[in-house]
């Protein structure tokens, strides 16, 4: 199992992100799990932003685009 984890680390470029003396299978798995956790947190943050600030499509008009039509102060 150690061999396969080390080889996967080399194939996927994980090993080059680790110090030369710290490229063991445990460290490779730790790196992968840490990266997955960061990606998950980023996806959650992006989803939260979309929930509270929906992206406007080119077809969508910004909120209050017709406010001048209803402005009684003039």
PDB file of N, CA and C in Angstrom:
ATOM      1  N   UNK A   1       0.826  -1.185   0.000  1.00  0.00           N
ATOM      2  CA  UNK A   1       0.000   0.000   0.000  1.00  0.00           C
ATOM      3  C   UNK A   1       0.876   1.256   0.000  1.00  0.00           C
ATOM      4  N   UNK A   2       1.967   1.210   0.764  1.00  0.00           N
ATOM      5  CA  UNK A   2       2.886   2.353   0.796  1.00  0.00           C
ATOM      6  C   UNK A   2       3.393   2.690  -0.603  1.00  0.00           C
ATOM      7  N   UNK A   3       3.756   1.655  -1.333  1.00  0.00           N
ATOM      8  CA  UNK A   3       4.289   1.851  -2.683  1.00  0.00           C
ATOM      9  C   UNK A   3       3.268   2.567  -3.573  1.00  0.00           C
ATOM     10  N   UNK A   4       2.016   2.112  -3.531  1.00  0.00           N
ATOM     11  CA  UNK A   4       0.988   2.687  -4.397  1.00  0.00           C
ATOM     12  C   UNK A   4       0.675   4.138  -4.019  1.00  0.00           C
ATOM     13  N   UNK A   5       0.693   4.442  -2.738  1.00  0.00           N
ATOM     14  CA  UNK A   5       0.446   5.821  -2.310  1.00  0.00           C
ATOM     15  C   UNK A   5       1.586   6.721  -2.766  1.00  0.00           C
ATOM     16  N   UNK A   6       2.826   6.233  -2.627  1.00  0.00           N
ATOM     17  CA  UNK A   6       3.982   7.024  -3.079  1.00  0.00           C
ATOM     18  C   UNK A   6       3.930   7.248  -4.594  1.00  0.00           C
ATOM     19  N   UNK A   7       3.603   6.204  -5.341  1.00  0.00           N
ATOM     20  CA  UNK A   7       3.515   6.326  -6.796  1.00  0.00           C
ATOM     21  C   UNK A   7       2.396   7.285  -7.202  1.00  0.00           C
ATOM     22  N   UNK A   8       1.258   7.193  -6.538  1.00  0.00           N
ATOM     23  CA  UNK A   8       0.157   8.115  -6.837  1.00  0.00           C
ATOM     24  C   UNK A   8       0.576   9.548  -6.530  1.00  0.00           C
ATOM     25  N   UNK A   9       1.324   9.728  -5.458  1.00  0.00           N
ATOM     26  CA  UNK A   9       1.834  11.055  -5.119  1.00  0.00           C
ATOM     27  C   UNK A   9       2.731  11.607  -6.208  1.00  0.00           C
ATOM     28  N   UNK A  10       3.546  10.752  -6.801  1.00  0.00           N
ATOM     29  CA  UNK A  10       4.420  11.176  -7.904  1.00  0.00           C
ATOM     30  C   UNK A  10       3.606  11.471  -9.164  1.00  0.00           C
ATOM     31  N   UNK A  11       2.678  10.586  -9.487  1.00  0.00           N
ATOM     32  CA  UNK A  11       1.890  10.733 -10.712  1.00  0.00           C
ATOM     33  C   UNK A  11       1.054  12.008 -10.685  1.00  0.00           C
ATOM     34  N   UNK A  12       0.429  12.292  -9.550  1.00  0.00           N
ATOM     35  CA  UNK A  12      -0.459  13.454  -9.449  1.00  0.00           C
ATOM     36  C   UNK A  12       0.260  14.730  -9.038  1.00  0.00           C
ATOM     37  N   UNK A  13       1.573  14.666  -8.896  1.00  0.00           N
ATOM     38  CA  UNK A  13       2.346  15.867  -8.593  1.00  0.00           C
ATOM     39  C   UNK A  13       2.269  16.325  -7.154  1.00  0.00           C
ATOM     40  N   UNK A  14       1.800  15.478  -6.288  1.00  0.00           N
ATOM     41  CA  UNK A  14       1.691  15.838  -4.875  1.00  0.00           C
ATOM     42  C   UNK A  14       3.065  15.871  -4.235  1.00  0.00           C
ATOM     43  N   UNK A  15       3.910  14.947  -4.611  1.00  0.00           N
ATOM     44  CA  UNK A  15       5.233  14.835  -3.988  1.00  0.00           C
ATOM     45  C   UNK A  15       6.068  16.090  -4.184  1.00  0.00           C
ATOM     46  N   UNK A  16       5.925  16.749  -5.313  1.00  0.00           N
ATOM     47  CA  UNK A  16       6.746  17.944  -5.538  1.00  0.00           C
ATOM     48  C   UNK A  16       6.305  19.113  -4.667  1.00  0.00           C
ATOM     49  N   UNK A  17       5.128  19.025  -4.060  1.00  0.00           N
ATOM     50  CA  UNK A  17       4.662  20.057  -3.137  1.00  0.00           C
ATOM     51  C   UNK A  17       5.115  19.803  -1.705  1.00  0.00           C
ATOM     52  N   UNK A  18       5.784  18.683  -1.496  1.00  0.00           N
ATOM     53  CA  UNK A  18       6.250  18.313  -0.159  1.00  0.00           C
ATOM     54  C   UNK A  18       7.769  18.370  -0.102  1.00  0.00           C
ATOM     55  N   UNK A  19       8.329  18.609   1.093  1.00  0.00           N
ATOM     56  CA  UNK A  19       9.791  18.573   1.222  1.00  0.00           C
ATOM     57  C   UNK A  19      10.332  17.187   0.863  1.00  0.00           C
ATOM     58  N   UNK A  20      11.541  17.145   0.344  1.00  0.00           N
ATOM     59  CA  UNK A  20      12.138  15.882  -0.105  1.00  0.00           C
ATOM     60  C   UNK A  20      12.201  14.855   1.020  1.00  0.00           C
ATOM     61  N   UNK A  21      12.513  15.291   2.226  1.00  0.00           N
ATOM     62  CA  UNK A  21      12.646  14.340   3.335  1.00  0.00           C
ATOM     63  C   UNK A  21      11.299  14.014   3.993  1.00  0.00           C
ATOM     64  N   UNK A  22      10.196  14.522   3.458  1.00  0.00           N
ATOM     65  CA  UNK A  22       8.879  14.296   4.062  1.00  0.00           C
ATOM     66  C   UNK A  22       7.862  13.895   2.997  1.00  0.00           C
ATOM     67  N   UNK A  23       8.199  12.875   2.213  1.00  0.00           N
ATOM     68  CA  UNK A  23       7.320  12.424   1.129  1.00  0.00           C
ATOM     69  C   UNK A  23       6.804  11.015   1.362  1.00  0.00           C
ATOM     70  N   UNK A  24       6.546  10.685   2.595  1.00  0.00           N
ATOM     71  CA  UNK A  24       6.034   9.363   2.921  1.00  0.00           C
ATOM     72  C   UNK A  24       4.549   9.254   2.623  1.00  0.00           C
ATOM     73  N   UNK A  25       4.036   8.034   2.636  1.00  0.00           N
ATOM     74  CA  UNK A  25       2.620   7.821   2.316  1.00  0.00           C
ATOM     75  C   UNK A  25       1.681   8.541   3.287  1.00  0.00           C
ATOM     76  N   UNK A  26       2.070   8.573   4.564  1.00  0.00           N
ATOM     77  CA  UNK A  26       1.225   9.257   5.546  1.00  0.00           C
ATOM     78  C   UNK A  26       1.129  10.748   5.216  1.00  0.00           C
ATOM     79  N   UNK A  27       2.252  11.346   4.879  1.00  0.00           N
ATOM     80  CA  UNK A  27       2.281  12.782   4.564  1.00  0.00           C
ATOM     81  C   UNK A  27       1.531  13.070   3.267  1.00  0.00           C
ATOM     82  N   UNK A  28       1.624  12.173   2.286  1.00  0.00           N
ATOM     83  CA  UNK A  28       0.907  12.340   1.016  1.00  0.00           C
ATOM     84  C   UNK A  28      -0.604  12.313   1.257  1.00  0.00           C
ATOM     85  N   UNK A  29      -1.069  11.337   2.039  1.00  0.00           N
ATOM     86  CA  UNK A  29      -2.497  11.261   2.345  1.00  0.00           C
ATOM     87  C   UNK A  29      -2.960  12.475   3.147  1.00  0.00           C
ATOM     88  N   UNK A  30      -2.128  12.917   4.070  1.00  0.00           N
ATOM     89  CA  UNK A  30      -2.454  14.106   4.859  1.00  0.00           C
ATOM     90  C   UNK A  30      -2.603  15.328   3.946  1.00  0.00           C
ATOM     91  N   UNK A  31      -1.700  15.460   2.995  1.00  0.00           N
ATOM     92  CA  UNK A  31      -1.747  16.576   2.048  1.00  0.00           C
ATOM     93  C   UNK A  31      -3.035  16.529   1.223  1.00  0.00           C
ATOM     94  N   UNK A  32      -3.383  15.353   0.723  1.00  0.00           N
ATOM     95  CA  UNK A  32      -4.590  15.196  -0.098  1.00  0.00           C
ATOM     96  C   UNK A  32      -5.833  15.562   0.710  1.00  0.00           C
ATOM     97  N   UNK A  33      -5.925  15.064   1.931  1.00  0.00           N
ATOM     98  CA  UNK A  33      -7.094  15.352   2.757  1.00  0.00           C
ATOM     99  C   UNK A  33      -7.176  16.834   3.111  1.00  0.00           C
ATOM    100  N   UNK A  34      -6.036  17.448   3.356  1.00  0.00           N
ATOM    101  CA  UNK A  34      -6.015  18.877   3.667  1.00  0.00           C
ATOM    102  C   UNK A  34      -6.480  19.693   2.456  1.00  0.00           C
ATOM    103  N   UNK A  35      -6.017  19.325   1.268  1.00  0.00           N
ATOM    104  CA  UNK A  35      -6.435  20.030   0.054  1.00  0.00           C
ATOM    105  C   UNK A  35      -7.931  19.846  -0.192  1.00  0.00           C
ATOM    106  N   UNK A  36      -8.430  18.657   0.052  1.00  0.00           N
ATOM    107  CA  UNK A  36      -9.859  18.387  -0.132  1.00  0.00           C
ATOM    108  C   UNK A  36     -10.682  19.245   0.828  1.00  0.00           C
ATOM    109  N   UNK A  37     -10.210  19.366   2.059  1.00  0.00           N
ATOM    110  CA  UNK A  37     -10.908  20.181   3.051  1.00  0.00           C
ATOM    111  C   UNK A  37     -10.926  21.649   2.628  1.00  0.00           C
ATOM    112  N   UNK A  38      -9.809  22.152   2.125  1.00  0.00           N
ATOM    113  CA  UNK A  38      -9.753  23.543   1.661  1.00  0.00           C
ATOM    114  C   UNK A  38     -10.692  23.766   0.478  1.00  0.00           C
ATOM    115  N   UNK A  39     -10.727  22.812  -0.451  1.00  0.00           N
ATOM    116  CA  UNK A  39     -11.623  22.930  -1.607  1.00  0.00           C
ATOM    117  C   UNK A  39     -13.083  22.937  -1.162  1.00  0.00           C
ATOM    118  N   UNK A  40     -13.403  22.080  -0.196  1.00  0.00           N
ATOM    119  CA  UNK A  40     -14.771  22.009   0.305  1.00  0.00           C
ATOM    120  C   UNK A  40     -15.167  23.322   0.975  1.00  0.00           C
ATOM    121  N   UNK A  41     -14.265  23.895   1.761  1.00  0.00           N
ATOM    122  CA  UNK A  41     -14.544  25.176   2.408  1.00  0.00           C
ATOM    123  C   UNK A  41     -14.739  26.276   1.367  1.00  0.00           C
ATOM    124  N   UNK A  42     -13.935  26.264   0.314  1.00  0.00           N
ATOM    125  CA  UNK A  42     -14.061  27.281  -0.734  1.00  0.00           C
ATOM    126  C   UNK A  42     -15.381  27.131  -1.472  1.00  0.00           C
ATOM    127  N   UNK A  43     -15.770  25.891  -1.767  1.00  0.00           N
ATOM    128  CA  UNK A  43     -17.045  25.660  -2.446  1.00  0.00           C
ATOM    129  C   UNK A  43     -18.211  26.112  -1.579  1.00  0.00           C
ATOM    130  N   UNK A  44     -18.114  25.884  -0.270  1.00  0.00           N
ATOM    131  CA  UNK A  44     -19.157  26.321   0.644  1.00  0.00           C
ATOM    132  C   UNK A  44     -19.234  27.841   0.670  1.00  0.00           C
ATOM    133  N   UNK A  45     -18.091  28.500   0.693  1.00  0.00           N
ATOM    134  CA  UNK A  45     -18.067  29.968   0.687  1.00  0.00           C
ATOM    135  C   UNK A  45     -18.662  30.506  -0.614  1.00  0.00           C
ATOM    136  N   UNK A  46     -18.326  29.877  -1.740  1.00  0.00           N
ATOM    137  CA  UNK A  46     -18.881  30.309  -3.028  1.00  0.00           C
ATOM    138  C   UNK A  46     -20.397  30.129  -3.062  1.00  0.00           C
ATOM    139  N   UNK A  47     -20.875  28.997  -2.550  1.00  0.00           N
ATOM    140  CA  UNK A  47     -22.314  28.736  -2.532  1.00  0.00           C
ATOM    141  C   UNK A  47     -23.027  29.734  -1.634  1.00  0.00           C
ATOM    142  N   UNK A  48     -22.410  30.090  -0.521  1.00  0.00           N
ATOM    143  CA  UNK A  48     -23.003  31.069   0.386  1.00  0.00           C
ATOM    144  C   UNK A  48     -23.094  32.425  -0.289  1.00  0.00           C
ATOM    145  N   UNK A  49     -22.050  32.813  -1.004  1.00  0.00           N
ATOM    146  CA  UNK A  49     -22.069  34.095  -1.708  1.00  0.00           C
ATOM    147  C   UNK A  49     -23.175  34.112  -2.761  1.00  0.00           C
ATOM    148  N   UNK A  50     -23.357  33.013  -3.477  1.00  0.00           N
ATOM    149  CA  UNK A  50     -24.411  32.945  -4.487  1.00  0.00           C
ATOM    150  C   UNK A  50     -25.788  33.012  -3.842  1.00  0.00           C
ATOM    151  N   UNK A  51     -25.904  32.467  -2.644  1.00  0.00           N
ATOM    152  CA  UNK A  51     -27.180  32.479  -1.950  1.00  0.00           C
ATOM    153  C   UNK A  51     -27.574  33.899  -1.565  1.00  0.00           C
ATOM    154  N   UNK A  52     -26.615  34.662  -1.074  1.00  0.00           N
ATOM    155  CA  UNK A  52     -26.914  36.012  -0.615  1.00  0.00           C
ATOM    156  C   UNK A  52     -26.716  37.079  -1.686  1.00  0.00           C
ATOM    157  N   UNK A  53     -25.921  36.803  -2.693  1.00  0.00           N
ATOM    158  CA  UNK A  53     -25.694  37.738  -3.792  1.00  0.00           C
ATOM    159  C   UNK A  53     -25.776  36.980  -5.107  1.00  0.00           C
ATOM    160  N   UNK A  54     -26.991  36.699  -5.572  1.00  0.00           N
ATOM    161  CA  UNK A  54     -27.103  35.914  -6.803  1.00  0.00           C
ATOM    162  C   UNK A  54     -26.430  36.625  -7.973  1.00  0.00           C
ATOM    163  N   UNK A  55     -25.752  35.857  -8.774  1.00  0.00           N
ATOM    164  CA  UNK A  55     -25.069  36.423  -9.941  1.00  0.00           C
ATOM    165  C   UNK A  55     -26.108  36.849 -10.971  1.00  0.00           C
ATOM    166  N   UNK A  56     -25.885  37.992 -11.566  1.00  0.00           N
ATOM    167  CA  UNK A  56     -26.794  38.481 -12.598  1.00  0.00           C
ATOM    168  C   UNK A  56     -26.395  37.898 -13.942  1.00  0.00           C
ATOM    169  N   UNK A  57     -27.356  37.379 -14.634  1.00  0.00           N
ATOM    170  CA  UNK A  57     -27.107  36.931 -15.998  1.00  0.00           C
ATOM    171  C   UNK A  57     -27.163  38.146 -16.905  1.00  0.00           C
ATOM    172  N   UNK A  58     -26.706  37.997 -18.124  1.00  0.00           N
ATOM    173  CA  UNK A  58     -26.757  39.113 -19.060  1.00  0.00           C
ATOM    174  C   UNK A  58     -28.200  39.508 -19.354  1.00  0.00           C
ATOM    175  N   UNK A  59     -29.104  38.565 -19.241  1.00  0.00           N
ATOM    176  CA  UNK A  59     -30.507  38.839 -19.510  1.00  0.00           C
ATOM    177  C   UNK A  59     -31.195  39.507 -18.322  1.00  0.00           C
ATOM    178  N   UNK A  60     -30.659  39.315 -17.125  1.00  0.00           N
ATOM    179  CA  UNK A  60     -31.258  39.884 -15.921  1.00  0.00           C
ATOM    180  C   UNK A  60     -30.949  41.371 -15.821  1.00  0.00           C
ATOM    181  N   UNK A  61     -31.928  42.112 -15.326  1.00  0.00           N
ATOM    182  CA  UNK A  61     -31.700  43.531 -15.066  1.00  0.00           C
ATOM    183  C   UNK A  61     -31.321  43.685 -13.602  1.00  0.00           C
ATOM    184  N   UNK A  62     -30.466  44.636 -13.306  1.00  0.00           N
ATOM    185  CA  UNK A  62     -30.133  44.869 -11.897  1.00  0.00           C
ATOM    186  C   UNK A  62     -31.380  45.302 -11.125  1.00  0.00           C
ATOM    187  N   UNK A  63     -31.372  45.039  -9.821  1.00  0.00           N
ATOM    188  CA  UNK A  63     -32.489  45.465  -8.992  1.00  0.00           C
ATOM    189  C   UNK A  63     -32.658  46.975  -9.097  1.00  0.00           C
ATOM    190  N   UNK A  64     -33.862  47.437  -9.070  1.00  0.00           N
ATOM    191  CA  UNK A  64     -34.203  48.856  -9.096  1.00  0.00           C
ATOM    192  C   UNK A  64     -33.749  49.546 -10.381  1.00  0.00           C
ATOM    193  N   UNK A  65     -33.686  48.835 -11.483  1.00  0.00           N
ATOM    194  CA  UNK A  65     -33.282  49.458 -12.744  1.00  0.00           C
ATOM    195  C   UNK A  65     -34.335  50.448 -13.236  1.00  0.00           C
ATOM    196  N   UNK A  66     -35.572  50.291 -12.779  1.00  0.00           N
ATOM    197  CA  UNK A  66     -36.642  51.186 -13.206  1.00  0.00           C
ATOM    198  C   UNK A  66     -37.039  52.172 -12.111  1.00  0.00           C
ATOM    199  N   UNK A  67     -36.168  52.425 -11.184  1.00  0.00           N
ATOM    200  CA  UNK A  67     -36.505  53.283 -10.050  1.00  0.00           C
ATOM    201  C   UNK A  67     -36.827  54.705 -10.490  1.00  0.00           C
ATOM    202  N   UNK A  68     -36.193  55.176 -11.560  1.00  0.00           N
ATOM    203  CA  UNK A  68     -36.472  56.530 -12.048  1.00  0.00           C
ATOM    204  C   UNK A  68     -37.919  56.667 -12.528  1.00  0.00           C
ATOM    205  N   UNK A  69     -38.505  55.581 -13.029  1.00  0.00           N
ATOM    206  CA  UNK A  69     -39.887  55.624 -13.494  1.00  0.00           C
ATOM    207  C   UNK A  69     -40.866  55.865 -12.349  1.00  0.00           C
ATOM    208  N   UNK A  70     -40.501  55.454 -11.154  1.00  0.00           N
ATOM    209  CA  UNK A  70     -41.398  55.550 -10.007  1.00  0.00           C
ATOM    210  C   UNK A  70     -40.949  56.600  -8.989  1.00  0.00           C
ATOM    211  N   UNK A  71     -39.977  57.398  -9.325  1.00  0.00           N
ATOM    212  CA  UNK A  71     -39.445  58.398  -8.404  1.00  0.00           C
ATOM    213  C   UNK A  71     -40.374  59.608  -8.386  1.00  0.00           C
ATOM    214  N   UNK A  72     -41.007  59.865  -7.247  1.00  0.00           N
ATOM    215  CA  UNK A  72     -41.955  60.973  -7.104  1.00  0.00           C
ATOM    216  C   UNK A  72     -41.288  62.263  -6.646  1.00  0.00           C
ATOM    217  N   UNK A  73     -40.015  62.245  -6.361  1.00  0.00           N
ATOM    218  CA  UNK A  73     -39.356  63.425  -5.802  1.00  0.00           C
ATOM    219  C   UNK A  73     -39.070  64.487  -6.849  1.00  0.00           C
ATOM    220  N   UNK A  74     -39.276  64.201  -8.110  1.00  0.00           N
ATOM    221  CA  UNK A  74     -38.996  65.186  -9.164  1.00  0.00           C
ATOM    222  C   UNK A  74     -40.166  66.075  -9.431  1.00  0.00           C
TER     223      UNK A  74
END
